Amino acid sequence: MAEQHYGQFQSRPHHLQQHHPSPPRSHQMVKAATAVTAGGSLLILSGLTLAATVIALTIATPLLVIFSPVLVPAALAVFALAGGFLASGGFGVAAISVLSWIYKYMTGKHPVGADQLDTARTKLAGKARDMKDRVDHNVSIAQSS
């Protein structure tokens, strides 16, 4: 079956083969040589980086062990301070955004989400009225008994 398909592709008319010429062999060789050179260079660079990392870690390990009673608490303090500053900034931005939204809502500028807030307020007020009416009805029934 594969031979039939292969034969079908070989029996193309000659004028179709001229429109899509294959690239010259030398062009393919240049592409392959460039790819091998670039890939090999990157592979060598990655090997050198790995070797330098292992050597640096080997040299730094005794220093890290000696100074770890100081470095670990210092690192924890730095991470805690950074986290605190990031959280503080995030809460500040959130507070300013909320205050800006409230100002726009109160001045009638119709900020994003105002429709949902109005719908929720209307539903809540309706439920509160229903509950008040139910309580008044139950109180009147209890007083009449």
N, C-alpha and C. Protein backbone atom coordinates (compact mmCIF):
# COMPACT_ATOMS: atom_id res chain seq x y z
N MET A 1 0.82 -1.18 0.00
CA MET A 1 0.00 0.00 0.00
C MET A 1 0.87 1.25 0.00
N ALA A 2 1.97 1.22 0.78
CA ALA A 2 2.89 2.35 0.79
C ALA A 2 3.52 2.54 -0.57
N GLU A 3 3.72 1.44 -1.29
CA GLU A 3 4.31 1.56 -2.62
C GLU A 3 3.35 2.25 -3.57
N GLN A 4 2.04 2.04 -3.39
CA GLN A 4 1.08 2.71 -4.25
C GLN A 4 1.10 4.21 -4.02
N HIS A 5 1.13 4.63 -2.73
CA HIS A 5 1.18 6.05 -2.42
C HIS A 5 2.47 6.65 -2.95
N TYR A 6 3.57 5.95 -2.80
CA TYR A 6 4.86 6.45 -3.26
C TYR A 6 4.83 6.61 -4.77
N GLY A 7 4.22 5.68 -5.44
CA GLY A 7 4.11 5.74 -6.89
C GLY A 7 3.23 6.90 -7.34
N GLN A 8 2.19 7.21 -6.55
CA GLN A 8 1.31 8.32 -6.90
C GLN A 8 2.06 9.64 -6.85
N PHE A 9 2.93 9.81 -5.86
CA PHE A 9 3.67 11.06 -5.74
C PHE A 9 4.74 11.17 -6.84
N GLN A 10 5.26 10.07 -7.28
CA GLN A 10 6.28 10.11 -8.32
C GLN A 10 5.66 10.44 -9.67
N SER A 11 4.41 10.13 -9.85
CA SER A 11 3.80 10.31 -11.16
C SER A 11 3.20 11.70 -11.32
N ARG A 12 3.70 12.70 -10.62
CA ARG A 12 3.24 14.07 -10.80
C ARG A 12 3.66 14.58 -12.17
N PRO A 13 2.87 15.46 -12.70
CA PRO A 13 3.29 16.08 -13.96
C PRO A 13 4.55 16.91 -13.75
N HIS A 14 5.35 17.03 -14.77
CA HIS A 14 6.64 17.71 -14.69
C HIS A 14 6.48 19.20 -14.39
N HIS A 15 5.41 19.83 -14.86
CA HIS A 15 5.24 21.27 -14.65
C HIS A 15 4.95 21.60 -13.18
N LEU A 16 4.38 20.68 -12.37
CA LEU A 16 4.15 20.92 -10.94
C LEU A 16 5.45 20.84 -10.15
N GLN A 17 6.38 20.03 -10.57
CA GLN A 17 7.64 19.88 -9.85
C GLN A 17 8.52 21.10 -10.04
N GLN A 18 8.35 21.84 -11.10
CA GLN A 18 9.18 23.01 -11.34
C GLN A 18 8.76 24.19 -10.48
N HIS A 19 7.51 24.25 -10.03
CA HIS A 19 7.05 25.37 -9.21
C HIS A 19 7.59 25.30 -7.79
N HIS A 20 7.91 24.14 -7.27
CA HIS A 20 8.39 23.98 -5.91
C HIS A 20 9.74 23.27 -5.92
N PRO A 21 10.78 23.98 -6.32
CA PRO A 21 12.09 23.32 -6.35
C PRO A 21 12.61 23.11 -4.93
N SER A 22 13.33 22.03 -4.69
CA SER A 22 13.91 21.79 -3.38
C SER A 22 15.14 22.66 -3.23
N PRO A 23 15.46 23.07 -1.99
CA PRO A 23 16.61 23.94 -1.79
C PRO A 23 17.90 23.21 -2.18
N PRO A 24 18.90 23.96 -2.59
CA PRO A 24 20.16 23.32 -2.97
C PRO A 24 20.78 22.59 -1.79
N ARG A 25 21.55 21.58 -2.10
CA ARG A 25 22.18 20.75 -1.06
C ARG A 25 23.15 21.56 -0.22
N SER A 26 23.85 22.50 -0.81
CA SER A 26 24.82 23.31 -0.05
C SER A 26 24.10 24.18 0.97
N HIS A 27 22.92 24.66 0.62
CA HIS A 27 22.13 25.48 1.56
C HIS A 27 21.73 24.64 2.78
N GLN A 28 21.33 23.41 2.55
CA GLN A 28 20.98 22.51 3.66
C GLN A 28 22.20 22.22 4.52
N MET A 29 23.35 22.07 3.90
CA MET A 29 24.58 21.80 4.66
C MET A 29 24.95 22.99 5.54
N VAL A 30 24.78 24.20 5.02
CA VAL A 30 25.08 25.40 5.81
C VAL A 30 24.14 25.49 7.00
N LYS A 31 22.84 25.19 6.78
CA LYS A 31 21.87 25.20 7.89
C LYS A 31 22.26 24.18 8.95
N ALA A 32 22.61 22.99 8.52
CA ALA A 32 22.98 21.94 9.47
C ALA A 32 24.24 22.32 10.23
N ALA A 33 25.24 22.88 9.54
CA ALA A 33 26.48 23.28 10.20
C ALA A 33 26.22 24.39 11.22
N THR A 34 25.36 25.33 10.86
CA THR A 34 25.03 26.42 11.78
C THR A 34 24.31 25.87 13.01
N ALA A 35 23.38 24.96 12.79
CA ALA A 35 22.63 24.38 13.92
C ALA A 35 23.56 23.59 14.83
N VAL A 36 24.46 22.82 14.25
CA VAL A 36 25.39 22.03 15.07
C VAL A 36 26.32 22.95 15.84
N THR A 37 26.81 24.02 15.21
CA THR A 37 27.70 24.96 15.89
C THR A 37 26.99 25.66 17.04
N ALA A 38 25.79 26.17 16.77
CA ALA A 38 25.05 26.87 17.82
C ALA A 38 24.68 25.91 18.95
N GLY A 39 24.19 24.74 18.61
CA GLY A 39 23.82 23.76 19.64
C GLY A 39 25.01 23.31 20.46
N GLY A 40 26.12 23.05 19.78
CA GLY A 40 27.33 22.64 20.50
C GLY A 40 27.85 23.73 21.42
N SER A 41 27.82 24.97 20.94
CA SER A 41 28.28 26.09 21.78
C SER A 41 27.42 26.22 23.02
N LEU A 42 26.11 26.12 22.84
CA LEU A 42 25.21 26.23 24.00
C LEU A 42 25.39 25.05 24.95
N LEU A 43 25.65 23.87 24.41
CA LEU A 43 25.88 22.70 25.26
C LEU A 43 27.16 22.87 26.07
N ILE A 44 28.21 23.37 25.45
CA ILE A 44 29.47 23.61 26.16
C ILE A 44 29.27 24.69 27.22
N LEU A 45 28.54 25.75 26.88
CA LEU A 45 28.28 26.82 27.84
C LEU A 45 27.48 26.30 29.03
N SER A 46 26.51 25.44 28.79
CA SER A 46 25.73 24.90 29.90
C SER A 46 26.59 23.99 30.77
N GLY A 47 27.49 23.22 30.17
CA GLY A 47 28.40 22.38 30.96
C GLY A 47 29.34 23.21 31.80
N LEU A 48 29.86 24.29 31.24
CA LEU A 48 30.75 25.18 32.01
C LEU A 48 29.99 25.84 33.16
N THR A 49 28.76 26.23 32.91
CA THR A 49 27.95 26.84 33.96
C THR A 49 27.69 25.84 35.09
N LEU A 50 27.38 24.61 34.73
CA LEU A 50 27.17 23.58 35.75
C LEU A 50 28.44 23.34 36.56
N ALA A 51 29.57 23.26 35.89
CA ALA A 51 30.85 23.05 36.61
C ALA A 51 31.15 24.23 37.53
N ALA A 52 30.95 25.45 37.06
CA ALA A 52 31.19 26.63 37.90
C ALA A 52 30.25 26.65 39.10
N THR A 53 29.01 26.23 38.91
CA THR A 53 28.06 26.19 40.02
C THR A 53 28.49 25.18 41.07
N VAL A 54 28.91 24.01 40.62
CA VAL A 54 29.36 22.97 41.56
C VAL A 54 30.59 23.45 42.32
N ILE A 55 31.54 24.06 41.63
CA ILE A 55 32.76 24.56 42.31
C ILE A 55 32.41 25.66 43.30
N ALA A 56 31.55 26.60 42.90
CA ALA A 56 31.15 27.68 43.81
C ALA A 56 30.42 27.15 45.03
N LEU A 57 29.55 26.17 44.82
CA LEU A 57 28.82 25.59 45.95
C LEU A 57 29.77 24.85 46.88
N THR A 58 30.77 24.16 46.31
CA THR A 58 31.76 23.45 47.13
C THR A 58 32.57 24.43 47.97
N ILE A 59 32.92 25.56 47.39
CA ILE A 59 33.68 26.56 48.14
C ILE A 59 32.81 27.26 49.17
N ALA A 60 31.55 27.55 48.82
CA ALA A 60 30.69 28.33 49.70
C ALA A 60 30.07 27.52 50.83
N THR A 61 29.98 26.19 50.70
CA THR A 61 29.33 25.39 51.72
C THR A 61 29.95 25.54 53.10
N PRO A 62 31.28 25.46 53.26
CA PRO A 62 31.83 25.66 54.61
C PRO A 62 31.52 27.03 55.19
N LEU A 63 31.54 28.04 54.33
CA LEU A 63 31.23 29.39 54.82
C LEU A 63 29.76 29.49 55.24
N LEU A 64 28.87 28.84 54.49
CA LEU A 64 27.46 28.85 54.85
C LEU A 64 27.22 28.12 56.17
N VAL A 65 27.95 27.02 56.37
CA VAL A 65 27.80 26.27 57.63
C VAL A 65 28.32 27.10 58.79
N ILE A 66 29.44 27.75 58.62
CA ILE A 66 30.03 28.56 59.71
C ILE A 66 29.11 29.73 60.05
N PHE A 67 28.60 30.40 59.03
CA PHE A 67 27.81 31.60 59.28
C PHE A 67 26.30 31.35 59.34
N SER A 68 25.87 30.10 59.32
CA SER A 68 24.44 29.82 59.31
C SER A 68 23.70 30.32 60.55
N PRO A 69 24.32 30.32 61.76
CA PRO A 69 23.58 30.89 62.90
C PRO A 69 23.24 32.37 62.71
N VAL A 70 23.97 33.05 61.86
CA VAL A 70 23.68 34.46 61.60
C VAL A 70 22.84 34.61 60.33
N LEU A 71 23.17 33.80 59.32
CA LEU A 71 22.52 33.96 58.02
C LEU A 71 21.05 33.54 58.03
N VAL A 72 20.73 32.45 58.73
CA VAL A 72 19.35 31.97 58.72
C VAL A 72 18.40 32.98 59.37
N PRO A 73 18.69 33.48 60.56
CA PRO A 73 17.79 34.50 61.12
C PRO A 73 17.77 35.79 60.29
N ALA A 74 18.92 36.15 59.70
CA ALA A 74 18.94 37.34 58.86
C ALA A 74 18.06 37.15 57.63
N ALA A 75 18.14 35.97 57.02
CA ALA A 75 17.31 35.70 55.85
C ALA A 75 15.83 35.70 56.23
N LEU A 76 15.50 35.11 57.38
CA LEU A 76 14.11 35.12 57.84
C LEU A 76 13.62 36.55 58.08
N ALA A 77 14.49 37.38 58.66
CA ALA A 77 14.11 38.77 58.92
C ALA A 77 13.90 39.52 57.61
N VAL A 78 14.78 39.29 56.65
CA VAL A 78 14.65 39.97 55.36
C VAL A 78 13.35 39.55 54.67
N PHE A 79 13.05 38.24 54.68
CA PHE A 79 11.82 37.77 54.06
C PHE A 79 10.59 38.31 54.79
N ALA A 80 10.65 38.39 56.12
CA ALA A 80 9.52 38.93 56.88
C ALA A 80 9.33 40.42 56.57
N LEU A 81 10.43 41.16 56.51
CA LEU A 81 10.32 42.58 56.19
C LEU A 81 9.78 42.79 54.77
N ALA A 82 10.30 42.03 53.83
CA ALA A 82 9.83 42.16 52.45
C ALA A 82 8.35 41.80 52.36
N GLY A 83 7.95 40.73 53.02
CA GLY A 83 6.54 40.34 53.01
C GLY A 83 5.67 41.40 53.65
N GLY A 84 6.14 41.98 54.75
CA GLY A 84 5.39 43.04 55.42
C GLY A 84 5.22 44.26 54.55
N PHE A 85 6.31 44.68 53.90
CA PHE A 85 6.21 45.84 53.02
C PHE A 85 5.30 45.57 51.83
N LEU A 86 5.40 44.38 51.25
CA LEU A 86 4.53 44.04 50.12
C LEU A 86 3.06 43.99 50.56
N ALA A 87 2.79 43.38 51.70
CA ALA A 87 1.42 43.32 52.20
C ALA A 87 0.89 44.71 52.50
N SER A 88 1.73 45.53 53.14
CA SER A 88 1.32 46.90 53.47
C SER A 88 0.99 47.68 52.21
N GLY A 89 1.85 47.57 51.21
CA GLY A 89 1.59 48.26 49.95
C GLY A 89 0.34 47.76 49.27
N GLY A 90 0.13 46.44 49.28
CA GLY A 90 -1.07 45.88 48.67
C GLY A 90 -2.33 46.33 49.37
N PHE A 91 -2.30 46.34 50.71
CA PHE A 91 -3.48 46.80 51.46
C PHE A 91 -3.72 48.29 51.22
N GLY A 92 -2.65 49.07 51.10
CA GLY A 92 -2.80 50.50 50.81
C GLY A 92 -3.44 50.73 49.46
N VAL A 93 -2.98 50.00 48.45
CA VAL A 93 -3.57 50.13 47.11
C VAL A 93 -5.03 49.70 47.14
N ALA A 94 -5.33 48.62 47.85
CA ALA A 94 -6.72 48.16 47.95
C ALA A 94 -7.59 49.21 48.64
N ALA A 95 -7.08 49.82 49.70
CA ALA A 95 -7.84 50.83 50.42
C ALA A 95 -8.10 52.05 49.55
N ILE A 96 -7.09 52.49 48.81
CA ILE A 96 -7.27 53.64 47.92
C ILE A 96 -8.28 53.31 46.82
N SER A 97 -8.22 52.10 46.30
CA SER A 97 -9.17 51.70 45.27
C SER A 97 -10.61 51.70 45.80
N VAL A 98 -10.78 51.16 47.00
CA VAL A 98 -12.12 51.12 47.60
C VAL A 98 -12.63 52.53 47.89
N LEU A 99 -11.76 53.38 48.43
CA LEU A 99 -12.19 54.75 48.71
C LEU A 99 -12.53 55.49 47.42
N SER A 100 -11.77 55.25 46.37
CA SER A 100 -12.06 55.87 45.07
C SER A 100 -13.40 55.38 44.54
N TRP A 101 -13.67 54.08 44.67
CA TRP A 101 -14.93 53.52 44.19
C TRP A 101 -16.10 54.13 44.97
N ILE A 102 -15.94 54.21 46.30
CA ILE A 102 -17.01 54.77 47.13
C ILE A 102 -17.27 56.23 46.77
N TYR A 103 -16.19 56.99 46.53
CA TYR A 103 -16.35 58.40 46.15
C TYR A 103 -17.10 58.51 44.83
N LYS A 104 -16.74 57.70 43.85
CA LYS A 104 -17.42 57.73 42.56
C LYS A 104 -18.88 57.33 42.70
N TYR A 105 -19.14 56.35 43.54
CA TYR A 105 -20.52 55.89 43.74
C TYR A 105 -21.36 56.97 44.41
N MET A 106 -20.80 57.61 45.42
CA MET A 106 -21.54 58.64 46.16
C MET A 106 -21.77 59.90 45.33
N THR A 107 -20.85 60.20 44.41
CA THR A 107 -21.02 61.39 43.58
C THR A 107 -21.85 61.11 42.34
N GLY A 108 -22.29 59.84 42.15
CA GLY A 108 -23.19 59.51 41.05
C GLY A 108 -22.49 59.23 39.73
N LYS A 109 -21.22 58.89 39.75
CA LYS A 109 -20.48 58.63 38.51
C LYS A 109 -20.64 57.20 38.02
N HIS A 110 -21.37 56.37 38.73
CA HIS A 110 -21.70 55.00 38.33
C HIS A 110 -20.46 54.15 38.04
N PRO A 111 -19.71 53.79 39.10
CA PRO A 111 -18.52 52.95 38.88
C PRO A 111 -18.90 51.51 38.55
N VAL A 112 -17.92 50.72 38.18
CA VAL A 112 -18.13 49.32 37.83
C VAL A 112 -18.67 48.58 39.06
N GLY A 113 -19.74 47.82 38.88
CA GLY A 113 -20.32 47.04 39.97
C GLY A 113 -21.43 47.75 40.71
N ALA A 114 -21.73 49.00 40.35
CA ALA A 114 -22.78 49.74 41.05
C ALA A 114 -24.15 49.11 40.80
N ASP A 115 -24.37 48.57 39.61
CA ASP A 115 -25.64 47.92 39.32
C ASP A 115 -25.88 46.71 40.22
N GLN A 116 -24.83 45.90 40.40
CA GLN A 116 -24.97 44.73 41.26
C GLN A 116 -25.23 45.15 42.70
N LEU A 117 -24.58 46.22 43.14
CA LEU A 117 -24.80 46.70 44.51
C LEU A 117 -26.23 47.19 44.68
N ASP A 118 -26.74 47.91 43.71
CA ASP A 118 -28.13 48.40 43.80
C ASP A 118 -29.12 47.25 43.79
N THR A 119 -28.87 46.24 42.95
CA THR A 119 -29.74 45.06 42.91
C THR A 119 -29.73 44.32 44.23
N ALA A 120 -28.54 44.15 44.80
CA ALA A 120 -28.43 43.46 46.09
C ALA A 120 -29.13 44.25 47.19
N ARG A 121 -28.98 45.58 47.16
CA ARG A 121 -29.63 46.40 48.18
C ARG A 121 -31.14 46.30 48.06
N THR A 122 -31.67 46.30 46.84
CA THR A 122 -33.11 46.18 46.63
C THR A 122 -33.63 44.83 47.13
N LYS A 123 -32.91 43.75 46.80
CA LYS A 123 -33.32 42.42 47.27
C LYS A 123 -33.27 42.34 48.79
N LEU A 124 -32.22 42.87 49.39
CA LEU A 124 -32.07 42.84 50.84
C LEU A 124 -33.17 43.64 51.52
N ALA A 125 -33.49 44.80 50.98
CA ALA A 125 -34.57 45.61 51.55
C ALA A 125 -35.90 44.89 51.43
N GLY A 126 -36.14 44.22 50.30
CA GLY A 126 -37.38 43.45 50.13
C GLY A 126 -37.48 42.32 51.13
N LYS A 127 -36.39 41.58 51.33
CA LYS A 127 -36.39 40.49 52.31
C LYS A 127 -36.60 41.03 53.72
N ALA A 128 -35.99 42.18 54.04
CA ALA A 128 -36.16 42.77 55.37
C ALA A 128 -37.62 43.16 55.60
N ARG A 129 -38.26 43.73 54.56
CA ARG A 129 -39.68 44.07 54.69
C ARG A 129 -40.53 42.82 54.89
N ASP A 130 -40.23 41.77 54.13
CA ASP A 130 -40.97 40.51 54.28
C ASP A 130 -40.81 39.96 55.69
N MET A 131 -39.60 39.96 56.22
CA MET A 131 -39.37 39.45 57.58
C MET A 131 -40.09 40.31 58.61
N LYS A 132 -40.08 41.65 58.43
CA LYS A 132 -40.76 42.54 59.36
C LYS A 132 -42.27 42.27 59.35
N ASP A 133 -42.82 42.11 58.14
CA ASP A 133 -44.25 41.80 58.04
C ASP A 133 -44.57 40.47 58.70
N ARG A 134 -43.71 39.46 58.50
CA ARG A 134 -43.94 38.14 59.10
C ARG A 134 -43.88 38.22 60.63
N VAL A 135 -42.89 38.96 61.15
CA VAL A 135 -42.77 39.11 62.60
C VAL A 135 -43.99 39.85 63.16
N ASP A 136 -44.40 40.94 62.48
CA ASP A 136 -45.60 41.67 62.94
C ASP A 136 -46.83 40.77 62.93
N HIS A 137 -46.97 39.95 61.90
CA HIS A 137 -48.10 39.02 61.81
C HIS A 137 -48.04 38.00 62.95
N ASN A 138 -46.86 37.44 63.21
CA ASN A 138 -46.72 36.45 64.29
C ASN A 138 -46.95 37.08 65.66
N VAL A 139 -46.50 38.33 65.85
CA VAL A 139 -46.72 39.02 67.13
C VAL A 139 -48.22 39.26 67.32
N SER A 140 -48.91 39.69 66.28
CA SER A 140 -50.36 39.95 66.42
C SER A 140 -51.11 38.66 66.71
N ILE A 141 -50.68 37.53 66.09
CA ILE A 141 -51.33 36.24 66.37
C ILE A 141 -51.05 35.83 67.82
N ALA A 142 -49.82 36.04 68.28
CA ALA A 142 -49.47 35.66 69.65
C ALA A 142 -50.21 36.53 70.66
N GLN A 143 -50.41 37.81 70.39
CA GLN A 143 -51.12 38.69 71.33
C GLN A 143 -52.60 38.41 71.37
N SER A 144 -53.17 37.96 70.23
CA SER A 144 -54.61 37.69 70.19
C SER A 144 -54.95 36.36 70.87
N SER A 145 -53.98 35.48 71.07
CA SER A 145 -54.27 34.20 71.70
C SER A 145 -54.36 34.29 73.17
